[in-house]
Amino acid sequence: MSPRVIQMPLSGGDRKHFARELRRVESLHAELVKRVDAAYAAAKDQLRLAHRLECEEWNARLFLGGDAAPSPALADAIDAGATLLKVKCNACRATRRVDLTHVIWPRTYQVHSRAHHST
């Protein structure tokens, strides 16, 4: 048998105070939900910008003749909007454009890792 809980009766002033506190906390909660959503949206925008800059840095490094590794991850490049990758075969010198969104490869792998496994 569970213990019986006896609620203490509230006076008029206590009820009014309790109602005010409930309204205050409800409005605070609604404001916090809005702030959380705004913070996540801002963080998502900043992360997309960071991914875009990483792709541009990698592209500039390749243009200057630098090493292909490290490169952005496939998911990061797709998130940045850089979905097309120009691939050049060293044997026949043919160039093709690959849509990264259609590549069947783990999204955590780096873009340059596709060079060793392309057909």
PDB file of N, CA and C in Angstrom:
ATOM      1  N   MET A   1       0.827  -1.147   0.000  1.00  0.00           N
ATOM      2  CA  MET A   1       0.000   0.000   0.000  1.00  0.00           C
ATOM      3  C   MET A   1       0.896   1.242   0.000  1.00  0.00           C
ATOM      4  N   SER A   2       0.613   2.153  -0.927  1.00  0.00           N
ATOM      5  CA  SER A   2       1.450   3.345  -1.042  1.00  0.00           C
ATOM      6  C   SER A   2       1.034   4.375  -0.001  1.00  0.00           C
ATOM      7  N   PRO A   3       1.995   5.196   0.418  1.00  0.00           N
ATOM      8  CA  PRO A   3       1.661   6.204   1.423  1.00  0.00           C
ATOM      9  C   PRO A   3       0.702   7.245   0.846  1.00  0.00           C
ATOM     10  N   ARG A   4      -0.117   7.751   1.685  1.00  0.00           N
ATOM     11  CA  ARG A   4      -1.100   8.740   1.266  1.00  0.00           C
ATOM     12  C   ARG A   4      -0.451  10.128   1.302  1.00  0.00           C
ATOM     13  N   VAL A   5      -0.620  10.878   0.213  1.00  0.00           N
ATOM     14  CA  VAL A   5      -0.066  12.229   0.135  1.00  0.00           C
ATOM     15  C   VAL A   5      -1.179  13.202   0.451  1.00  0.00           C
ATOM     16  N   ILE A   6      -0.946  14.004   1.436  1.00  0.00           N
ATOM     17  CA  ILE A   6      -1.940  14.998   1.830  1.00  0.00           C
ATOM     18  C   ILE A   6      -1.460  16.358   1.340  1.00  0.00           C
ATOM     19  N   GLN A   7      -2.230  16.992   0.454  1.00  0.00           N
ATOM     20  CA  GLN A   7      -1.895  18.312  -0.052  1.00  0.00           C
ATOM     21  C   GLN A   7      -2.315  19.362   0.968  1.00  0.00           C
ATOM     22  N   MET A   8      -1.415  20.268   1.212  1.00  0.00           N
ATOM     23  CA  MET A   8      -1.737  21.365   2.123  1.00  0.00           C
ATOM     24  C   MET A   8      -2.594  22.381   1.364  1.00  0.00           C
ATOM     25  N   PRO A   9      -3.659  22.854   1.945  1.00  0.00           N
ATOM     26  CA  PRO A   9      -4.479  23.862   1.264  1.00  0.00           C
ATOM     27  C   PRO A   9      -3.705  25.168   1.132  1.00  0.00           C
ATOM     28  N   LEU A  10      -3.852  25.814  -0.027  1.00  0.00           N
ATOM     29  CA  LEU A  10      -3.165  27.072  -0.284  1.00  0.00           C
ATOM     30  C   LEU A  10      -4.094  28.236  -0.005  1.00  0.00           C
ATOM     31  N   SER A  11      -3.530  29.266   0.575  1.00  0.00           N
ATOM     32  CA  SER A  11      -4.313  30.477   0.787  1.00  0.00           C
ATOM     33  C   SER A  11      -4.440  31.223  -0.532  1.00  0.00           C
ATOM     34  N   GLY A  12      -5.252  32.252  -0.580  1.00  0.00           N
ATOM     35  CA  GLY A  12      -5.459  33.026  -1.799  1.00  0.00           C
ATOM     36  C   GLY A  12      -4.176  33.640  -2.317  1.00  0.00           C
ATOM     37  N   GLY A  13      -3.368  34.175  -1.411  1.00  0.00           N
ATOM     38  CA  GLY A  13      -2.087  34.773  -1.813  1.00  0.00           C
ATOM     39  C   GLY A  13      -1.140  33.741  -2.387  1.00  0.00           C
ATOM     40  N   ASP A  14      -1.112  32.567  -1.757  1.00  0.00           N
ATOM     41  CA  ASP A  14      -0.240  31.496  -2.256  1.00  0.00           C
ATOM     42  C   ASP A  14      -0.684  31.023  -3.632  1.00  0.00           C
ATOM     43  N   ARG A  15      -1.984  30.907  -3.855  1.00  0.00           N
ATOM     44  CA  ARG A  15      -2.486  30.485  -5.167  1.00  0.00           C
ATOM     45  C   ARG A  15      -2.114  31.506  -6.239  1.00  0.00           C
ATOM     46  N   LYS A  16      -2.264  32.795  -5.908  1.00  0.00           N
ATOM     47  CA  LYS A  16      -1.904  33.847  -6.862  1.00  0.00           C
ATOM     48  C   LYS A  16      -0.411  33.812  -7.176  1.00  0.00           C
ATOM     49  N   HIS A  17       0.401  33.632  -6.144  1.00  0.00           N
ATOM     50  CA  HIS A  17       1.850  33.554  -6.354  1.00  0.00           C
ATOM     51  C   HIS A  17       2.203  32.342  -7.216  1.00  0.00           C
ATOM     52  N   PHE A  18       1.599  31.209  -6.930  1.00  0.00           N
ATOM     53  CA  PHE A  18       1.840  29.992  -7.703  1.00  0.00           C
ATOM     54  C   PHE A  18       1.425  30.190  -9.163  1.00  0.00           C
ATOM     55  N   ALA A  19       0.292  30.821  -9.421  1.00  0.00           N
ATOM     56  CA  ALA A  19      -0.178  31.080 -10.779  1.00  0.00           C
ATOM     57  C   ALA A  19       0.778  32.017 -11.506  1.00  0.00           C
ATOM     58  N   ARG A  20       1.276  33.072 -10.802  1.00  0.00           N
ATOM     59  CA  ARG A  20       2.249  33.992 -11.412  1.00  0.00           C
ATOM     60  C   ARG A  20       3.536  33.265 -11.779  1.00  0.00           C
ATOM     61  N   GLU A  21       4.011  32.431 -10.883  1.00  0.00           N
ATOM     62  CA  GLU A  21       5.245  31.680 -11.154  1.00  0.00           C
ATOM     63  C   GLU A  21       5.068  30.724 -12.332  1.00  0.00           C
ATOM     64  N   LEU A  22       3.912  30.076 -12.414  1.00  0.00           N
ATOM     65  CA  LEU A  22       3.652  29.197 -13.558  1.00  0.00           C
ATOM     66  C   LEU A  22       3.678  29.971 -14.862  1.00  0.00           C
ATOM     67  N   ARG A  23       3.037  31.128 -14.921  1.00  0.00           N
ATOM     68  CA  ARG A  23       3.038  31.950 -16.131  1.00  0.00           C
ATOM     69  C   ARG A  23       4.447  32.409 -16.480  1.00  0.00           C
ATOM     70  N   ARG A  24       5.209  32.803 -15.458  1.00  0.00           N
ATOM     71  CA  ARG A  24       6.585  33.266 -15.687  1.00  0.00           C
ATOM     72  C   ARG A  24       7.454  32.144 -16.258  1.00  0.00           C
ATOM     73  N   VAL A  25       7.343  30.982 -15.694  1.00  0.00           N
ATOM     74  CA  VAL A  25       8.158  29.849 -16.151  1.00  0.00           C
ATOM     75  C   VAL A  25       7.712  29.395 -17.543  1.00  0.00           C
ATOM     76  N   GLU A  26       6.405  29.446 -17.830  1.00  0.00           N
ATOM     77  CA  GLU A  26       5.937  29.081 -19.174  1.00  0.00           C
ATOM     78  C   GLU A  26       6.487  30.043 -20.219  1.00  0.00           C
ATOM     79  N   SER A  27       6.488  31.344 -19.928  1.00  0.00           N
ATOM     80  CA  SER A  27       7.024  32.305 -20.897  1.00  0.00           C
ATOM     81  C   SER A  27       8.542  32.166 -21.003  1.00  0.00           C
ATOM     82  N   LEU A  28       9.208  31.889 -19.883  1.00  0.00           N
ATOM     83  CA  LEU A  28      10.653  31.649 -19.914  1.00  0.00           C
ATOM     84  C   LEU A  28      10.977  30.422 -20.753  1.00  0.00           C
ATOM     85  N   HIS A  29      10.191  29.379 -20.598  1.00  0.00           N
ATOM     86  CA  HIS A  29      10.398  28.161 -21.373  1.00  0.00           C
ATOM     87  C   HIS A  29      10.227  28.426 -22.866  1.00  0.00           C
ATOM     88  N   ALA A  30       9.187  29.162 -23.239  1.00  0.00           N
ATOM     89  CA  ALA A  30       8.963  29.479 -24.649  1.00  0.00           C
ATOM     90  C   ALA A  30      10.126  30.295 -25.211  1.00  0.00           C
ATOM     91  N   GLU A  31      10.631  31.239 -24.440  1.00  0.00           N
ATOM     92  CA  GLU A  31      11.765  32.059 -24.879  1.00  0.00           C
ATOM     93  C   GLU A  31      13.024  31.213 -25.038  1.00  0.00           C
ATOM     94  N   LEU A  32      13.252  30.300 -24.107  1.00  0.00           N
ATOM     95  CA  LEU A  32      14.429  29.426 -24.195  1.00  0.00           C
ATOM     96  C   LEU A  32      14.351  28.505 -25.406  1.00  0.00           C
ATOM     97  N   VAL A  33      13.174  28.010 -25.731  1.00  0.00           N
ATOM     98  CA  VAL A  33      13.012  27.173 -26.920  1.00  0.00           C
ATOM     99  C   VAL A  33      13.386  27.965 -28.170  1.00  0.00           C
ATOM    100  N   LYS A  34      12.936  29.222 -28.253  1.00  0.00           N
ATOM    101  CA  LYS A  34      13.274  30.069 -29.407  1.00  0.00           C
ATOM    102  C   LYS A  34      14.773  30.323 -29.480  1.00  0.00           C
ATOM    103  N   ARG A  35      15.391  30.583 -28.329  1.00  0.00           N
ATOM    104  CA  ARG A  35      16.834  30.845 -28.316  1.00  0.00           C
ATOM    105  C   ARG A  35      17.636  29.613 -28.699  1.00  0.00           C
ATOM    106  N   VAL A  36      17.204  28.449 -28.261  1.00  0.00           N
ATOM    107  CA  VAL A  36      17.892  27.204 -28.625  1.00  0.00           C
ATOM    108  C   VAL A  36      17.808  26.983 -30.125  1.00  0.00           C
ATOM    109  N   ASP A  37      16.616  27.168 -30.698  1.00  0.00           N
ATOM    110  CA  ASP A  37      16.456  27.001 -32.141  1.00  0.00           C
ATOM    111  C   ASP A  37      17.334  27.981 -32.919  1.00  0.00           C
ATOM    112  N   ALA A  38      17.386  29.230 -32.464  1.00  0.00           N
ATOM    113  CA  ALA A  38      18.217  30.240 -33.133  1.00  0.00           C
ATOM    114  C   ALA A  38      19.701  29.892 -33.021  1.00  0.00           C
ATOM    115  N   ALA A  39      20.106  29.401 -31.870  1.00  0.00           N
ATOM    116  CA  ALA A  39      21.515  29.032 -31.680  1.00  0.00           C
ATOM    117  C   ALA A  39      21.901  27.871 -32.578  1.00  0.00           C
ATOM    118  N   TYR A  40      21.023  26.867 -32.691  1.00  0.00           N
ATOM    119  CA  TYR A  40      21.318  25.744 -33.575  1.00  0.00           C
ATOM    120  C   TYR A  40      21.358  26.181 -35.033  1.00  0.00           C
ATOM    121  N   ALA A  41      20.468  27.093 -35.436  1.00  0.00           N
ATOM    122  CA  ALA A  41      20.470  27.583 -36.815  1.00  0.00           C
ATOM    123  C   ALA A  41      21.763  28.350 -37.107  1.00  0.00           C
ATOM    124  N   ALA A  42      22.200  29.179 -36.170  1.00  0.00           N
ATOM    125  CA  ALA A  42      23.441  29.927 -36.353  1.00  0.00           C
ATOM    126  C   ALA A  42      24.640  28.992 -36.403  1.00  0.00           C
ATOM    127  N   ALA A  43      24.647  27.988 -35.549  1.00  0.00           N
ATOM    128  CA  ALA A  43      25.750  27.020 -35.540  1.00  0.00           C
ATOM    129  C   ALA A  43      25.787  26.237 -36.846  1.00  0.00           C
ATOM    130  N   LYS A  44      24.615  25.884 -37.370  1.00  0.00           N
ATOM    131  CA  LYS A  44      24.554  25.145 -38.630  1.00  0.00           C
ATOM    132  C   LYS A  44      25.100  25.995 -39.772  1.00  0.00           C
ATOM    133  N   ASP A  45      24.751  27.286 -39.786  1.00  0.00           N
ATOM    134  CA  ASP A  45      25.263  28.190 -40.816  1.00  0.00           C
ATOM    135  C   ASP A  45      26.780  28.338 -40.716  1.00  0.00           C
ATOM    136  N   GLN A  46      27.285  28.477 -39.502  1.00  0.00           N
ATOM    137  CA  GLN A  46      28.731  28.614 -39.317  1.00  0.00           C
ATOM    138  C   GLN A  46      29.469  27.328 -39.706  1.00  0.00           C
ATOM    139  N   LEU A  47      28.885  26.182 -39.412  1.00  0.00           N
ATOM    140  CA  LEU A  47      29.506  24.915 -39.782  1.00  0.00           C
ATOM    141  C   LEU A  47      29.530  24.755 -41.300  1.00  0.00           C
ATOM    142  N   ARG A  48      28.453  25.150 -41.975  1.00  0.00           N
ATOM    143  CA  ARG A  48      28.414  25.098 -43.432  1.00  0.00           C
ATOM    144  C   ARG A  48      29.478  26.018 -44.028  1.00  0.00           C
ATOM    145  N   LEU A  49      29.667  27.204 -43.442  1.00  0.00           N
ATOM    146  CA  LEU A  49      30.702  28.119 -43.896  1.00  0.00           C
ATOM    147  C   LEU A  49      32.093  27.511 -43.692  1.00  0.00           C
ATOM    148  N   ALA A  50      32.307  26.870 -42.557  1.00  0.00           N
ATOM    149  CA  ALA A  50      33.599  26.225 -42.294  1.00  0.00           C
ATOM    150  C   ALA A  50      33.861  25.122 -43.306  1.00  0.00           C
ATOM    151  N   HIS A  51      32.841  24.330 -43.644  1.00  0.00           N
ATOM    152  CA  HIS A  51      33.006  23.273 -44.641  1.00  0.00           C
ATOM    153  C   HIS A  51      33.319  23.873 -46.006  1.00  0.00           C
ATOM    154  N   ARG A  52      32.657  24.972 -46.353  1.00  0.00           N
ATOM    155  CA  ARG A  52      32.894  25.638 -47.640  1.00  0.00           C
ATOM    156  C   ARG A  52      34.329  26.145 -47.718  1.00  0.00           C
ATOM    157  N   LEU A  53      34.803  26.770 -46.636  1.00  0.00           N
ATOM    158  CA  LEU A  53      36.180  27.265 -46.613  1.00  0.00           C
ATOM    159  C   LEU A  53      37.187  26.126 -46.686  1.00  0.00           C
ATOM    160  N   GLU A  54      36.875  25.011 -46.056  1.00  0.00           N
ATOM    161  CA  GLU A  54      37.759  23.848 -46.121  1.00  0.00           C
ATOM    162  C   GLU A  54      37.859  23.327 -47.549  1.00  0.00           C
ATOM    163  N   CYS A  55      36.725  23.292 -48.259  1.00  0.00           N
ATOM    164  CA  CYS A  55      36.736  22.854 -49.662  1.00  0.00           C
ATOM    165  C   CYS A  55      37.528  23.818 -50.535  1.00  0.00           C
ATOM    166  N   GLU A  56      37.365  25.114 -50.300  1.00  0.00           N
ATOM    167  CA  GLU A  56      38.100  26.108 -51.083  1.00  0.00           C
ATOM    168  C   GLU A  56      39.595  26.034 -50.807  1.00  0.00           C
ATOM    169  N   GLU A  57      39.966  25.804 -49.556  1.00  0.00           N
ATOM    170  CA  GLU A  57      41.385  25.661 -49.212  1.00  0.00           C
ATOM    171  C   GLU A  57      41.980  24.443 -49.892  1.00  0.00           C
ATOM    172  N   TRP A  58      41.256  23.337 -49.902  1.00  0.00           N
ATOM    173  CA  TRP A  58      41.743  22.113 -50.543  1.00  0.00           C
ATOM    174  C   TRP A  58      41.887  22.328 -52.048  1.00  0.00           C
ATOM    175  N   ASN A  59      40.921  23.011 -52.657  1.00  0.00           N
ATOM    176  CA  ASN A  59      40.969  23.291 -54.085  1.00  0.00           C
ATOM    177  C   ASN A  59      42.176  24.177 -54.414  1.00  0.00           C
ATOM    178  N   ALA A  60      42.439  25.193 -53.597  1.00  0.00           N
ATOM    179  CA  ALA A  60      43.585  26.068 -53.821  1.00  0.00           C
ATOM    180  C   ALA A  60      44.895  25.307 -53.660  1.00  0.00           C
ATOM    181  N   ARG A  61      44.960  24.424 -52.655  1.00  0.00           N
ATOM    182  CA  ARG A  61      46.174  23.629 -52.449  1.00  0.00           C
ATOM    183  C   ARG A  61      46.450  22.734 -53.644  1.00  0.00           C
ATOM    184  N   LEU A  62      45.401  22.109 -54.198  1.00  0.00           N
ATOM    185  CA  LEU A  62      45.586  21.265 -55.373  1.00  0.00           C
ATOM    186  C   LEU A  62      46.020  22.083 -56.584  1.00  0.00           C
ATOM    187  N   PHE A  63      45.457  23.279 -56.738  1.00  0.00           N
ATOM    188  CA  PHE A  63      45.815  24.148 -57.855  1.00  0.00           C
ATOM    189  C   PHE A  63      47.282  24.550 -57.781  1.00  0.00           C
ATOM    190  N   LEU A  64      47.791  24.755 -56.560  1.00  0.00           N
ATOM    191  CA  LEU A  64      49.190  25.123 -56.373  1.00  0.00           C
ATOM    192  C   LEU A  64      50.128  23.929 -56.482  1.00  0.00           C
ATOM    193  N   GLY A  65      49.587  22.730 -56.669  1.00  0.00           N
ATOM    194  CA  GLY A  65      50.414  21.534 -56.794  1.00  0.00           C
ATOM    195  C   GLY A  65      50.695  20.860 -55.476  1.00  0.00           C
ATOM    196  N   GLY A  66      49.927  21.172 -54.460  1.00  0.00           N
ATOM    197  CA  GLY A  66      50.132  20.576 -53.145  1.00  0.00           C
ATOM    198  C   GLY A  66      49.573  19.165 -53.073  1.00  0.00           C
ATOM    199  N   ASP A  67      49.723  18.590 -51.911  1.00  0.00           N
ATOM    200  CA  ASP A  67      49.270  17.220 -51.680  1.00  0.00           C
ATOM    201  C   ASP A  67      47.744  17.183 -51.568  1.00  0.00           C
ATOM    202  N   ALA A  68      47.147  16.109 -52.062  1.00  0.00           N
ATOM    203  CA  ALA A  68      45.691  15.957 -52.017  1.00  0.00           C
ATOM    204  C   ALA A  68      45.188  15.628 -50.613  1.00  0.00           C
ATOM    205  N   ALA A  69      46.052  15.053 -49.797  1.00  0.00           N
ATOM    206  CA  ALA A  69      45.641  14.703 -48.435  1.00  0.00           C
ATOM    207  C   ALA A  69      46.145  15.768 -47.476  1.00  0.00           C
ATOM    208  N   PRO A  70      45.424  16.154 -46.488  1.00  0.00           N
ATOM    209  CA  PRO A  70      44.058  15.774 -46.162  1.00  0.00           C
ATOM    210  C   PRO A  70      43.058  16.577 -46.989  1.00  0.00           C
ATOM    211  N   SER A  71      41.921  15.987 -47.178  1.00  0.00           N
ATOM    212  CA  SER A  71      40.853  16.647 -47.915  1.00  0.00           C
ATOM    213  C   SER A  71      39.582  16.621 -47.072  1.00  0.00           C
ATOM    214  N   PRO A  72      38.581  17.413 -47.462  1.00  0.00           N
ATOM    215  CA  PRO A  72      37.325  17.385 -46.698  1.00  0.00           C
ATOM    216  C   PRO A  72      36.634  16.031 -46.812  1.00  0.00           C
ATOM    217  N   ALA A  73      35.834  15.704 -45.832  1.00  0.00           N
ATOM    218  CA  ALA A  73      35.038  14.479 -45.898  1.00  0.00           C
ATOM    219  C   ALA A  73      33.932  14.666 -46.929  1.00  0.00           C
ATOM    220  N   LEU A  74      33.446  13.570 -47.477  1.00  0.00           N
ATOM    221  CA  LEU A  74      32.373  13.647 -48.473  1.00  0.00           C
ATOM    222  C   LEU A  74      31.154  14.368 -47.918  1.00  0.00           C
ATOM    223  N   ALA A  75      30.769  14.058 -46.705  1.00  0.00           N
ATOM    224  CA  ALA A  75      29.595  14.696 -46.105  1.00  0.00           C
ATOM    225  C   ALA A  75      29.815  16.196 -45.936  1.00  0.00           C
ATOM    226  N   ASP A  76      31.048  16.598 -45.584  1.00  0.00           N
ATOM    227  CA  ASP A  76      31.345  18.017 -45.411  1.00  0.00           C
ATOM    228  C   ASP A  76      31.287  18.753 -46.744  1.00  0.00           C
ATOM    229  N   ALA A  77      31.823  18.135 -47.804  1.00  0.00           N
ATOM    230  CA  ALA A  77      31.793  18.750 -49.125  1.00  0.00           C
ATOM    231  C   ALA A  77      30.357  18.888 -49.628  1.00  0.00           C
ATOM    232  N   ILE A  78      29.545  17.879 -49.401  1.00  0.00           N
ATOM    233  CA  ILE A  78      28.144  17.934 -49.822  1.00  0.00           C
ATOM    234  C   ILE A  78      27.405  19.005 -49.033  1.00  0.00           C
ATOM    235  N   ASP A  79      27.677  19.096 -47.728  1.00  0.00           N
ATOM    236  CA  ASP A  79      27.035  20.108 -46.892  1.00  0.00           C
ATOM    237  C   ASP A  79      27.421  21.524 -47.338  1.00  0.00           C
ATOM    238  N   ALA A  80      28.650  21.679 -47.826  1.00  0.00           N
ATOM    239  CA  ALA A  80      29.124  22.991 -48.265  1.00  0.00           C
ATOM    240  C   ALA A  80      28.562  23.372 -49.623  1.00  0.00           C
ATOM    241  N   GLY A  81      27.958  22.420 -50.328  1.00  0.00           N
ATOM    242  CA  GLY A  81      27.422  22.706 -51.658  1.00  0.00           C
ATOM    243  C   GLY A  81      28.376  22.350 -52.772  1.00  0.00           C
ATOM    244  N   ALA A  82      29.532  21.816 -52.446  1.00  0.00           N
ATOM    245  CA  ALA A  82      30.513  21.408 -53.449  1.00  0.00           C
ATOM    246  C   ALA A  82      30.239  19.953 -53.812  1.00  0.00           C
ATOM    247  N   THR A  83      29.259  19.739 -54.669  1.00  0.00           N
ATOM    248  CA  THR A  83      28.837  18.372 -54.958  1.00  0.00           C
ATOM    249  C   THR A  83      29.497  17.779 -56.183  1.00  0.00           C
ATOM    250  N   LEU A  84      30.134  18.589 -57.027  1.00  0.00           N
ATOM    251  CA  LEU A  84      30.786  18.058 -58.219  1.00  0.00           C
ATOM    252  C   LEU A  84      32.288  18.004 -58.017  1.00  0.00           C
ATOM    253  N   LEU A  85      32.878  16.882 -58.408  1.00  0.00           N
ATOM    254  CA  LEU A  85      34.315  16.680 -58.300  1.00  0.00           C
ATOM    255  C   LEU A  85      34.849  16.343 -59.677  1.00  0.00           C
ATOM    256  N   LYS A  86      35.857  17.082 -60.127  1.00  0.00           N
ATOM    257  CA  LYS A  86      36.477  16.829 -61.426  1.00  0.00           C
ATOM    258  C   LYS A  86      37.578  15.796 -61.224  1.00  0.00           C
ATOM    259  N   VAL A  87      37.467  14.679 -61.929  1.00  0.00           N
ATOM    260  CA  VAL A  87      38.406  13.569 -61.784  1.00  0.00           C
ATOM    261  C   VAL A  87      39.147  13.384 -63.099  1.00  0.00           C
ATOM    262  N   LYS A  88      40.476  13.226 -63.010  1.00  0.00           N
ATOM    263  CA  LYS A  88      41.293  13.040 -64.206  1.00  0.00           C
ATOM    264  C   LYS A  88      42.049  11.729 -64.089  1.00  0.00           C
ATOM    265  N   CYS A  89      41.934  10.891 -65.132  1.00  0.00           N
ATOM    266  CA  CYS A  89      42.639   9.612 -65.158  1.00  0.00           C
ATOM    267  C   CYS A  89      44.090   9.870 -65.559  1.00  0.00           C
ATOM    268  N   ASN A  90      45.027   9.370 -64.772  1.00  0.00           N
ATOM    269  CA  ASN A  90      46.442   9.565 -65.079  1.00  0.00           C
ATOM    270  C   ASN A  90      46.884   8.722 -66.269  1.00  0.00           C
ATOM    271  N   ALA A  91      46.207   7.613 -66.528  1.00  0.00           N
ATOM    272  CA  ALA A  91      46.613   6.738 -67.627  1.00  0.00           C
ATOM    273  C   ALA A  91      46.178   7.296 -68.985  1.00  0.00           C
ATOM    274  N   CYS A  92      44.906   7.629 -69.142  1.00  0.00           N
ATOM    275  CA  CYS A  92      44.398   8.056 -70.446  1.00  0.00           C
ATOM    276  C   CYS A  92      44.125   9.557 -70.527  1.00  0.00           C
ATOM    277  N   ARG A  93      44.341  10.269 -69.456  1.00  0.00           N
ATOM    278  CA  ARG A  93      44.132  11.718 -69.382  1.00  0.00           C
ATOM    279  C   ARG A  93      42.682  12.154 -69.595  1.00  0.00           C
ATOM    280  N   ALA A  94      41.732  11.249 -69.466  1.00  0.00           N
ATOM    281  CA  ALA A  94      40.312  11.597 -69.596  1.00  0.00           C
ATOM    282  C   ALA A  94      39.848  12.269 -68.306  1.00  0.00           C
ATOM    283  N   THR A  95      38.986  13.251 -68.455  1.00  0.00           N
ATOM    284  CA  THR A  95      38.447  13.932 -67.276  1.00  0.00           C
ATOM    285  C   THR A  95      36.941  13.725 -67.226  1.00  0.00           C
ATOM    286  N   ARG A  96      36.453  13.575 -66.041  1.00  0.00           N
ATOM    287  CA  ARG A  96      35.010  13.415 -65.811  1.00  0.00           C
ATOM    288  C   ARG A  96      34.627  14.199 -64.576  1.00  0.00           C
ATOM    289  N   ARG A  97      33.357  14.533 -64.511  1.00  0.00           N
ATOM    290  CA  ARG A  97      32.812  15.181 -63.314  1.00  0.00           C
ATOM    291  C   ARG A  97      31.957  14.150 -62.584  1.00  0.00           C
ATOM    292  N   VAL A  98      32.214  14.027 -61.298  1.00  0.00           N
ATOM    293  CA  VAL A  98      31.513  13.053 -60.463  1.00  0.00           C
ATOM    294  C   VAL A  98      30.622  13.820 -59.500  1.00  0.00           C
ATOM    295  N   ASP A  99      29.359  13.427 -59.443  1.00  0.00           N
ATOM    296  CA  ASP A  99      28.427  14.015 -58.477  1.00  0.00           C
ATOM    297  C   ASP A  99      28.600  13.279 -57.155  1.00  0.00           C
ATOM    298  N   LEU A 100      29.082  13.985 -56.154  1.00  0.00           N
ATOM    299  CA  LEU A 100      29.371  13.354 -54.854  1.00  0.00           C
ATOM    300  C   LEU A 100      28.120  12.839 -54.159  1.00  0.00           C
ATOM    301  N   THR A 101      26.956  13.394 -54.495  1.00  0.00           N
ATOM    302  CA  THR A 101      25.732  12.921 -53.852  1.00  0.00           C
ATOM    303  C   THR A 101      25.350  11.531 -54.340  1.00  0.00           C
ATOM    304  N   HIS A 102      25.879  11.110 -55.489  1.00  0.00           N
ATOM    305  CA  HIS A 102      25.554   9.792 -56.036  1.00  0.00           C
ATOM    306  C   HIS A 102      26.634   8.754 -55.757  1.00  0.00           C
ATOM    307  N   VAL A 103      27.716   9.180 -55.151  1.00  0.00           N
ATOM    308  CA  VAL A 103      28.822   8.264 -54.850  1.00  0.00           C
ATOM    309  C   VAL A 103      28.402   7.324 -53.729  1.00  0.00           C
ATOM    310  N   ILE A 104      28.567   6.034 -53.967  1.00  0.00           N
ATOM    311  CA  ILE A 104      28.272   5.034 -52.940  1.00  0.00           C
ATOM    312  C   ILE A 104      29.584   4.758 -52.210  1.00  0.00           C
ATOM    313  N   TRP A 105      29.785   5.491 -51.157  1.00  0.00           N
ATOM    314  CA  TRP A 105      31.019   5.453 -50.389  1.00  0.00           C
ATOM    315  C   TRP A 105      30.685   6.043 -49.031  1.00  0.00           C
ATOM    316  N   PRO A 106      31.265   5.570 -47.972  1.00  0.00           N
ATOM    317  CA  PRO A 106      30.938   6.145 -46.663  1.00  0.00           C
ATOM    318  C   PRO A 106      31.182   7.653 -46.630  1.00  0.00           C
ATOM    319  N   ARG A 107      30.225   8.389 -46.135  1.00  0.00           N
ATOM    320  CA  ARG A 107      30.295   9.850 -46.143  1.00  0.00           C
ATOM    321  C   ARG A 107      31.387  10.387 -45.225  1.00  0.00           C
ATOM    322  N   THR A 108      31.916   9.556 -44.341  1.00  0.00           N
ATOM    323  CA  THR A 108      32.973  10.007 -43.446  1.00  0.00           C
ATOM    324  C   THR A 108      34.343   9.952 -44.104  1.00  0.00           C
ATOM    325  N   TYR A 109      34.449   9.251 -45.241  1.00  0.00           N
ATOM    326  CA  TYR A 109      35.731   9.154 -45.942  1.00  0.00           C
ATOM    327  C   TYR A 109      36.068  10.487 -46.574  1.00  0.00           C
ATOM    328  N   GLN A 110      37.354  10.750 -46.719  1.00  0.00           N
ATOM    329  CA  GLN A 110      37.791  11.986 -47.342  1.00  0.00           C
ATOM    330  C   GLN A 110      37.650  11.897 -48.859  1.00  0.00           C
ATOM    331  N   VAL A 111      37.499  13.055 -49.488  1.00  0.00           N
ATOM    332  CA  VAL A 111      37.282  13.116 -50.924  1.00  0.00           C
ATOM    333  C   VAL A 111      38.463  12.521 -51.683  1.00  0.00           C
ATOM    334  N   HIS A 112      39.691  12.811 -51.251  1.00  0.00           N
ATOM    335  CA  HIS A 112      40.856  12.323 -51.996  1.00  0.00           C
ATOM    336  C   HIS A 112      40.977  10.801 -51.955  1.00  0.00           C
ATOM    337  N   SER A 113      40.311  10.143 -51.011  1.00  0.00           N
ATOM    338  CA  SER A 113      40.395   8.674 -50.934  1.00  0.00           C
ATOM    339  C   SER A 113      39.713   8.008 -52.119  1.00  0.00           C
ATOM    340  N   ARG A 114      38.860   8.719 -52.855  1.00  0.00           N
ATOM    341  CA  ARG A 114      38.192   8.176 -54.041  1.00  0.00           C
ATOM    342  C   ARG A 114      39.195   7.989 -55.177  1.00  0.00           C
ATOM    343  N   ALA A 115      40.314   8.707 -55.183  1.00  0.00           N
ATOM    344  CA  ALA A 115      41.270   8.641 -56.291  1.00  0.00           C
ATOM    345  C   ALA A 115      41.858   7.246 -56.434  1.00  0.00           C
ATOM    346  N   HIS A 116      42.032   6.547 -55.356  1.00  0.00           N
ATOM    347  CA  HIS A 116      42.682   5.228 -55.409  1.00  0.00           C
ATOM    348  C   HIS A 116      41.707   4.112 -55.737  1.00  0.00           C
ATOM    349  N   HIS A 117      40.402   4.401 -55.707  1.00  0.00           N
ATOM    350  CA  HIS A 117      39.410   3.352 -55.911  1.00  0.00           C
ATOM    351  C   HIS A 117      38.490   3.612 -57.087  1.00  0.00           C
ATOM    352  N   SER A 118      38.719   4.685 -57.846  1.00  0.00           N
ATOM    353  CA  SER A 118      37.859   4.984 -58.979  1.00  0.00           C
ATOM    354  C   SER A 118      38.163   4.037 -60.121  1.00  0.00           C
ATOM    355  N   THR A 119      37.125   3.756 -60.927  1.00  0.00           N
ATOM    356  CA  THR A 119      37.336   2.886 -62.082  1.00  0.00           C
ATOM    357  C   THR A 119      37.173   3.680 -63.347  1.00  0.00           C
TER     358      THR A 119
END
